[in-house]
N, C-alpha and C. Protein backbone atom coordinates (compact mmCIF):
# COMPACT_ATOMS: atom_id res chain seq x y z
N UNK A 1 75.64 59.74 113.19
CA UNK A 1 76.23 60.57 112.17
C UNK A 1 76.72 61.89 112.75
N UNK A 2 75.87 62.51 113.59
CA UNK A 2 76.25 63.77 114.20
C UNK A 2 77.47 63.59 115.10
N UNK A 3 77.54 62.46 115.79
CA UNK A 3 78.67 62.20 116.68
C UNK A 3 79.97 62.18 115.88
N UNK A 4 79.96 61.57 114.69
CA UNK A 4 81.17 61.52 113.87
C UNK A 4 81.54 62.90 113.34
N UNK A 5 80.55 63.68 113.00
CA UNK A 5 80.80 65.03 112.52
C UNK A 5 81.46 65.87 113.62
N UNK A 6 80.92 65.79 114.84
CA UNK A 6 81.48 66.54 115.96
C UNK A 6 82.89 66.03 116.27
N UNK A 7 83.09 64.72 116.26
CA UNK A 7 84.41 64.16 116.53
C UNK A 7 85.41 64.62 115.47
N UNK A 8 84.97 64.65 114.21
CA UNK A 8 85.85 65.10 113.14
C UNK A 8 86.21 66.56 113.29
N UNK A 9 85.26 67.38 113.67
CA UNK A 9 85.53 68.81 113.87
C UNK A 9 86.48 69.00 115.04
N UNK A 10 86.30 68.22 116.11
CA UNK A 10 87.18 68.34 117.27
C UNK A 10 88.59 67.90 116.90
N UNK A 11 88.69 66.85 116.12
CA UNK A 11 90.00 66.37 115.69
C UNK A 11 90.73 67.39 114.84
N UNK A 12 89.98 68.10 114.00
CA UNK A 12 90.60 69.12 113.17
C UNK A 12 91.07 70.29 114.02
N UNK A 13 90.35 70.62 115.05
CA UNK A 13 90.73 71.75 115.90
C UNK A 13 92.00 71.45 116.68
N UNK A 14 92.26 70.19 116.96
CA UNK A 14 93.43 69.81 117.75
C UNK A 14 94.64 69.47 116.88
N UNK A 15 94.47 69.45 115.58
CA UNK A 15 95.55 69.08 114.69
C UNK A 15 96.60 70.18 114.65
N UNK A 16 97.86 69.82 114.32
CA UNK A 16 98.90 70.84 114.20
C UNK A 16 98.59 71.77 113.03
N UNK A 17 99.25 72.94 113.02
CA UNK A 17 99.01 73.93 111.98
C UNK A 17 99.19 73.31 110.61
N UNK A 18 98.19 73.44 109.77
CA UNK A 18 98.23 72.92 108.41
C UNK A 18 98.60 74.06 107.47
N UNK A 19 99.52 73.81 106.57
CA UNK A 19 99.94 74.82 105.62
C UNK A 19 99.29 74.50 104.27
N UNK A 20 98.29 75.29 103.85
CA UNK A 20 97.60 75.04 102.58
C UNK A 20 98.55 75.12 101.38
N UNK A 21 98.14 74.61 100.22
CA UNK A 21 99.01 74.59 99.05
C UNK A 21 99.37 75.97 98.50
N UNK A 22 98.61 77.01 98.83
CA UNK A 22 98.95 78.35 98.33
C UNK A 22 99.86 79.09 99.30
N UNK A 23 100.52 78.35 100.18
CA UNK A 23 101.39 78.96 101.18
C UNK A 23 102.73 78.23 101.26
N UNK A 24 103.69 78.88 101.92
CA UNK A 24 104.99 78.28 102.20
C UNK A 24 105.51 78.88 103.49
N UNK A 25 106.18 78.06 104.28
CA UNK A 25 106.86 78.55 105.48
C UNK A 25 108.02 79.45 105.03
N UNK A 26 108.21 80.57 105.69
CA UNK A 26 109.29 81.48 105.31
C UNK A 26 110.58 81.05 106.01
N UNK A 27 111.66 80.88 105.24
CA UNK A 27 112.93 80.49 105.85
C UNK A 27 113.69 81.66 106.46
N UNK A 28 113.21 82.88 106.23
CA UNK A 28 113.89 84.07 106.75
C UNK A 28 112.88 84.93 107.49
N UNK A 29 113.35 86.07 107.96
CA UNK A 29 112.49 87.00 108.69
C UNK A 29 111.39 87.55 107.77
N UNK A 30 110.26 87.95 108.32
CA UNK A 30 109.14 88.45 107.51
C UNK A 30 109.52 89.62 106.60
N UNK A 31 110.35 90.55 107.07
CA UNK A 31 110.74 91.69 106.22
C UNK A 31 111.54 91.22 105.01
N UNK A 32 112.40 90.24 105.20
CA UNK A 32 113.17 89.68 104.07
C UNK A 32 112.26 88.96 103.10
N UNK A 33 111.29 88.22 103.64
CA UNK A 33 110.33 87.52 102.78
C UNK A 33 109.50 88.52 101.99
N UNK A 34 109.07 89.60 102.64
CA UNK A 34 108.32 90.66 101.95
C UNK A 34 109.15 91.23 100.81
N UNK A 35 110.43 91.51 101.07
CA UNK A 35 111.31 92.05 100.03
C UNK A 35 111.47 91.09 98.86
N UNK A 36 111.63 89.81 99.17
CA UNK A 36 111.74 88.79 98.13
C UNK A 36 110.47 88.75 97.30
N UNK A 37 109.32 88.75 97.95
CA UNK A 37 108.03 88.69 97.24
C UNK A 37 107.84 89.93 96.36
N UNK A 38 108.21 91.09 96.86
CA UNK A 38 108.08 92.32 96.07
C UNK A 38 108.98 92.25 94.84
N UNK A 39 110.19 91.76 95.01
CA UNK A 39 111.11 91.62 93.87
C UNK A 39 110.54 90.65 92.83
N UNK A 40 110.03 89.51 93.28
CA UNK A 40 109.48 88.51 92.36
C UNK A 40 108.28 89.06 91.60
N UNK A 41 107.36 89.73 92.30
CA UNK A 41 106.18 90.29 91.65
C UNK A 41 106.60 91.24 90.54
N UNK A 42 107.57 92.09 90.81
CA UNK A 42 108.04 93.05 89.81
C UNK A 42 108.76 92.35 88.66
N UNK A 43 109.60 91.37 88.97
CA UNK A 43 110.32 90.66 87.92
C UNK A 43 109.38 89.86 87.01
N UNK A 44 108.24 89.45 87.55
CA UNK A 44 107.26 88.72 86.75
C UNK A 44 106.38 89.64 85.91
N UNK A 45 106.57 90.96 86.05
CA UNK A 45 105.84 91.92 85.22
C UNK A 45 104.51 92.37 85.78
N UNK A 46 104.24 92.07 87.04
CA UNK A 46 102.99 92.53 87.65
C UNK A 46 103.15 93.97 88.11
N UNK A 47 102.05 94.70 88.17
CA UNK A 47 102.02 96.07 88.65
C UNK A 47 101.51 96.06 90.08
N UNK A 48 102.31 96.59 91.00
CA UNK A 48 101.90 96.65 92.40
C UNK A 48 100.85 97.74 92.54
N UNK A 49 99.66 97.38 93.00
CA UNK A 49 98.56 98.32 93.17
C UNK A 49 98.42 98.77 94.62
N UNK A 50 98.89 97.95 95.55
CA UNK A 50 98.78 98.28 96.96
C UNK A 50 99.84 97.46 97.69
N UNK A 51 100.51 98.09 98.64
CA UNK A 51 101.51 97.38 99.44
C UNK A 51 101.65 98.07 100.78
N UNK A 52 101.90 97.27 101.79
CA UNK A 52 102.12 97.79 103.14
C UNK A 52 103.19 96.93 103.79
N UNK A 53 104.41 97.47 103.84
CA UNK A 53 105.54 96.71 104.39
C UNK A 53 105.32 96.36 105.86
N UNK A 54 104.72 97.28 106.62
CA UNK A 54 104.49 97.02 108.05
C UNK A 54 103.48 95.90 108.26
N UNK A 55 102.54 95.74 107.34
CA UNK A 55 101.53 94.67 107.44
C UNK A 55 101.94 93.44 106.63
N UNK A 56 103.08 93.50 105.91
CA UNK A 56 103.56 92.40 105.07
C UNK A 56 102.49 91.99 104.06
N UNK A 57 102.02 92.95 103.28
CA UNK A 57 100.92 92.76 102.34
C UNK A 57 101.25 93.38 100.99
N UNK A 58 100.97 92.65 99.91
CA UNK A 58 101.15 93.16 98.54
C UNK A 58 99.94 92.73 97.71
N UNK A 59 99.41 93.66 96.93
CA UNK A 59 98.38 93.33 95.93
C UNK A 59 98.88 93.84 94.60
N UNK A 60 98.98 92.93 93.62
CA UNK A 60 99.51 93.29 92.31
C UNK A 60 98.62 92.71 91.23
N UNK A 61 98.61 93.38 90.09
CA UNK A 61 97.81 92.86 88.98
C UNK A 61 98.61 92.89 87.70
N UNK A 62 98.19 92.05 86.80
CA UNK A 62 98.82 91.98 85.49
C UNK A 62 97.90 91.30 84.51
N UNK A 63 98.11 91.55 83.25
CA UNK A 63 97.28 90.88 82.24
C UNK A 63 97.73 89.44 82.07
N UNK A 64 96.79 88.52 81.96
CA UNK A 64 97.18 87.14 81.70
C UNK A 64 97.72 87.03 80.29
N UNK A 65 98.59 86.10 80.07
CA UNK A 65 99.16 85.91 78.74
C UNK A 65 98.43 84.83 77.98
N UNK A 66 98.91 84.58 76.81
CA UNK A 66 98.36 83.50 76.02
C UNK A 66 97.43 83.98 74.93
N UNK A 67 97.54 83.35 73.77
CA UNK A 67 96.72 83.71 72.62
C UNK A 67 95.24 83.47 72.89
N UNK A 68 94.92 82.41 73.63
CA UNK A 68 93.52 82.11 73.93
C UNK A 68 92.84 83.24 74.69
N UNK A 69 93.54 83.83 75.63
CA UNK A 69 92.99 84.94 76.40
C UNK A 69 92.76 86.15 75.51
N UNK A 70 93.71 86.45 74.63
CA UNK A 70 93.59 87.60 73.73
C UNK A 70 92.39 87.42 72.81
N UNK A 71 92.25 86.24 72.22
CA UNK A 71 91.12 85.98 71.32
C UNK A 71 89.80 86.06 72.09
N UNK A 72 89.76 85.44 73.27
CA UNK A 72 88.56 85.47 74.10
C UNK A 72 88.18 86.91 74.45
N UNK A 73 89.16 87.72 74.83
CA UNK A 73 88.89 89.12 75.17
C UNK A 73 88.31 89.89 73.97
N UNK A 74 88.86 89.64 72.78
CA UNK A 74 88.35 90.31 71.58
C UNK A 74 86.91 89.90 71.28
N UNK A 75 86.62 88.62 71.40
CA UNK A 75 85.28 88.13 71.10
C UNK A 75 84.25 88.62 72.13
N UNK A 76 84.64 88.68 73.40
CA UNK A 76 83.70 89.06 74.46
C UNK A 76 83.67 90.56 74.74
N UNK A 77 84.64 91.31 74.20
CA UNK A 77 84.69 92.74 74.46
C UNK A 77 85.08 93.07 75.89
N UNK A 78 86.04 92.31 76.43
CA UNK A 78 86.50 92.52 77.80
C UNK A 78 88.02 92.59 77.81
N UNK A 79 88.56 93.08 78.90
CA UNK A 79 90.00 93.03 79.18
C UNK A 79 90.19 92.14 80.39
N UNK A 80 90.96 91.08 80.23
CA UNK A 80 91.21 90.15 81.34
C UNK A 80 92.42 90.59 82.15
N UNK A 81 92.34 90.34 83.44
CA UNK A 81 93.43 90.68 84.36
C UNK A 81 93.58 89.57 85.39
N UNK A 82 94.79 89.43 85.88
CA UNK A 82 95.05 88.55 87.01
C UNK A 82 95.45 89.42 88.19
N UNK A 83 95.15 88.93 89.38
CA UNK A 83 95.52 89.65 90.60
C UNK A 83 96.18 88.66 91.55
N UNK A 84 97.28 89.09 92.14
CA UNK A 84 97.97 88.31 93.16
C UNK A 84 97.89 89.09 94.47
N UNK A 85 97.51 88.41 95.53
CA UNK A 85 97.54 89.00 96.86
C UNK A 85 98.51 88.19 97.69
N UNK A 86 99.53 88.85 98.22
CA UNK A 86 100.56 88.18 98.99
C UNK A 86 100.54 88.71 100.42
N UNK A 87 100.58 87.81 101.37
CA UNK A 87 100.65 88.20 102.78
C UNK A 87 101.65 87.30 103.49
N UNK A 88 102.29 87.88 104.48
CA UNK A 88 103.15 87.13 105.39
C UNK A 88 102.48 87.22 106.75
N UNK A 89 102.30 86.09 107.41
CA UNK A 89 101.62 86.11 108.70
C UNK A 89 102.27 85.11 109.66
N UNK A 90 102.17 85.37 110.96
CA UNK A 90 102.82 84.51 111.95
C UNK A 90 101.98 83.28 112.31
N UNK A 91 102.68 82.20 112.64
CA UNK A 91 102.06 81.02 113.21
C UNK A 91 102.25 81.07 114.72
N UNK A 92 101.50 80.27 115.44
CA UNK A 92 101.60 80.27 116.90
C UNK A 92 102.97 79.82 117.39
N UNK A 93 103.69 79.02 116.60
CA UNK A 93 104.98 78.50 117.05
C UNK A 93 106.14 79.45 116.75
N UNK A 94 105.86 80.66 116.26
CA UNK A 94 106.90 81.64 116.01
C UNK A 94 107.38 81.69 114.57
N UNK A 95 107.04 80.69 113.77
CA UNK A 95 107.40 80.72 112.36
C UNK A 95 106.43 81.64 111.61
N UNK A 96 106.77 81.94 110.36
CA UNK A 96 105.92 82.78 109.53
C UNK A 96 105.60 82.05 108.23
N UNK A 97 104.48 82.44 107.63
CA UNK A 97 104.00 81.82 106.40
C UNK A 97 103.84 82.90 105.34
N UNK A 98 104.23 82.58 104.11
CA UNK A 98 103.95 83.42 102.95
C UNK A 98 102.76 82.79 102.24
N UNK A 99 101.74 83.58 101.98
CA UNK A 99 100.55 83.11 101.26
C UNK A 99 100.38 83.94 100.00
N UNK A 100 100.15 83.26 98.87
CA UNK A 100 99.90 83.93 97.60
C UNK A 100 98.56 83.45 97.07
N UNK A 101 97.61 84.36 96.96
CA UNK A 101 96.27 84.04 96.47
C UNK A 101 96.13 84.62 95.07
N UNK A 102 95.67 83.79 94.13
CA UNK A 102 95.46 84.24 92.75
C UNK A 102 93.98 84.48 92.52
N UNK A 103 93.72 85.46 91.66
CA UNK A 103 92.34 85.80 91.32
C UNK A 103 92.33 86.34 89.90
N UNK A 104 91.28 86.06 89.17
CA UNK A 104 91.14 86.60 87.82
C UNK A 104 89.88 87.43 87.72
N UNK A 105 89.90 88.41 86.85
CA UNK A 105 88.69 89.19 86.60
C UNK A 105 88.75 89.80 85.21
N UNK A 106 87.61 90.22 84.72
CA UNK A 106 87.50 90.87 83.42
C UNK A 106 86.81 92.22 83.61
N UNK A 107 87.19 93.17 82.76
CA UNK A 107 86.56 94.49 82.75
C UNK A 107 85.89 94.66 81.39
N UNK A 108 84.59 94.93 81.40
CA UNK A 108 83.82 95.11 80.18
C UNK A 108 84.20 96.42 79.51
N UNK A 109 84.39 96.37 78.18
CA UNK A 109 84.83 97.56 77.44
C UNK A 109 83.70 98.37 76.84
N UNK A 110 82.56 97.75 76.50
CA UNK A 110 81.52 98.44 75.74
C UNK A 110 80.15 98.31 76.38
N UNK A 111 79.25 99.18 75.95
CA UNK A 111 77.85 99.09 76.35
C UNK A 111 77.57 99.65 77.73
N UNK A 112 76.38 99.33 78.21
CA UNK A 112 75.95 99.83 79.51
C UNK A 112 76.82 99.32 80.66
N UNK A 113 77.41 98.18 80.46
CA UNK A 113 78.24 97.57 81.51
C UNK A 113 79.70 97.98 81.42
N UNK A 114 80.05 98.91 80.55
CA UNK A 114 81.44 99.32 80.36
C UNK A 114 82.07 99.71 81.69
N UNK A 115 83.24 99.18 81.93
CA UNK A 115 83.96 99.45 83.17
C UNK A 115 83.59 98.52 84.30
N UNK A 116 82.56 97.70 84.10
CA UNK A 116 82.13 96.76 85.14
C UNK A 116 83.12 95.61 85.28
N UNK A 117 83.32 95.19 86.49
CA UNK A 117 84.26 94.12 86.79
C UNK A 117 83.51 92.81 86.98
N UNK A 118 83.97 91.78 86.27
CA UNK A 118 83.38 90.45 86.34
C UNK A 118 84.41 89.51 86.93
N UNK A 119 84.10 88.90 88.08
CA UNK A 119 85.03 87.97 88.71
C UNK A 119 85.15 86.70 87.89
N UNK A 120 86.33 86.11 87.93
CA UNK A 120 86.58 84.88 87.20
C UNK A 120 87.75 84.13 87.77
N UNK A 121 88.17 83.13 87.06
CA UNK A 121 89.29 82.29 87.49
C UNK A 121 90.61 82.91 87.05
N UNK A 122 91.68 82.68 87.81
CA UNK A 122 92.99 83.18 87.39
C UNK A 122 93.50 82.38 86.19
N UNK A 123 94.40 82.97 85.45
CA UNK A 123 95.00 82.28 84.30
C UNK A 123 96.05 81.29 84.78
N UNK A 124 96.47 80.43 83.87
CA UNK A 124 97.55 79.48 84.18
C UNK A 124 98.84 80.22 84.51
N UNK A 125 99.05 81.37 83.84
CA UNK A 125 100.25 82.16 84.11
C UNK A 125 100.25 82.68 85.54
N UNK A 126 99.10 83.09 86.05
CA UNK A 126 99.03 83.58 87.44
C UNK A 126 99.30 82.45 88.41
N UNK A 127 98.78 81.27 88.13
CA UNK A 127 99.03 80.13 89.00
C UNK A 127 100.51 79.75 89.00
N UNK A 128 101.15 79.82 87.82
CA UNK A 128 102.60 79.56 87.74
C UNK A 128 103.38 80.64 88.49
N UNK A 129 102.95 81.90 88.35
CA UNK A 129 103.63 82.99 89.05
C UNK A 129 103.55 82.80 90.56
N UNK A 130 102.39 82.43 91.05
CA UNK A 130 102.22 82.20 92.49
C UNK A 130 103.14 81.08 92.97
N UNK A 131 103.19 79.99 92.22
CA UNK A 131 104.06 78.87 92.59
C UNK A 131 105.52 79.30 92.59
N UNK A 132 105.92 80.10 91.59
CA UNK A 132 107.31 80.58 91.51
C UNK A 132 107.66 81.44 92.72
N UNK A 133 106.77 82.35 93.08
CA UNK A 133 107.02 83.20 94.25
C UNK A 133 107.16 82.36 95.51
N UNK A 134 106.27 81.40 95.69
CA UNK A 134 106.34 80.53 96.88
C UNK A 134 107.64 79.73 96.91
N UNK A 135 108.07 79.24 95.76
CA UNK A 135 109.31 78.45 95.70
C UNK A 135 110.54 79.29 95.96
N UNK A 136 110.56 80.52 95.45
CA UNK A 136 111.74 81.37 95.59
C UNK A 136 111.81 82.11 96.92
N UNK A 137 110.66 82.37 97.54
CA UNK A 137 110.65 83.17 98.77
C UNK A 137 110.25 82.37 99.99
N UNK A 138 109.86 81.14 99.83
CA UNK A 138 109.45 80.30 100.95
C UNK A 138 110.17 78.97 100.93
N UNK A 139 109.81 78.13 101.86
CA UNK A 139 110.38 76.79 101.95
C UNK A 139 109.23 75.81 102.12
N UNK A 140 109.40 74.59 101.60
CA UNK A 140 108.34 73.60 101.82
C UNK A 140 108.08 73.42 103.30
N UNK A 141 106.83 73.16 103.71
CA UNK A 141 106.48 73.06 105.13
C UNK A 141 107.32 72.06 105.92
N UNK A 142 107.76 70.97 105.30
CA UNK A 142 108.50 69.96 106.06
C UNK A 142 110.00 70.23 106.11
N UNK A 143 110.48 71.33 105.52
CA UNK A 143 111.92 71.60 105.50
C UNK A 143 112.38 72.51 106.62
N UNK A 144 111.44 73.01 107.45
CA UNK A 144 111.83 73.91 108.53
C UNK A 144 111.68 73.26 109.87
């Protein structure tokens, strides 16, 4: 059993670069991809909280949509938010990758825990936003 585990780990280490589903190969230069991602984040209504053009990094947040979220927030006494973290990074072969990570959290409004942040899952809207950014600013891994 251990032999197969070691062989599997060795095989994974020798495999070509794998592009996870929350990423896309960039068809243009990293600065252009950063500009595209910044434009998309703003057009989708997210608020940029942190950005560094030299590091090709953006962190933006926005409220998730949907009636279910609003009702849930009222019942629980929280404010829900989505967060997108976008980075552009180089691969060993000279290409670059755009990665969009989604995250959800809630902020408690009342009581002793007021202002406390509770980690959670991103909304469907954040997942759609991430996919849209990847489609508009990146290219599928097999197209480059």
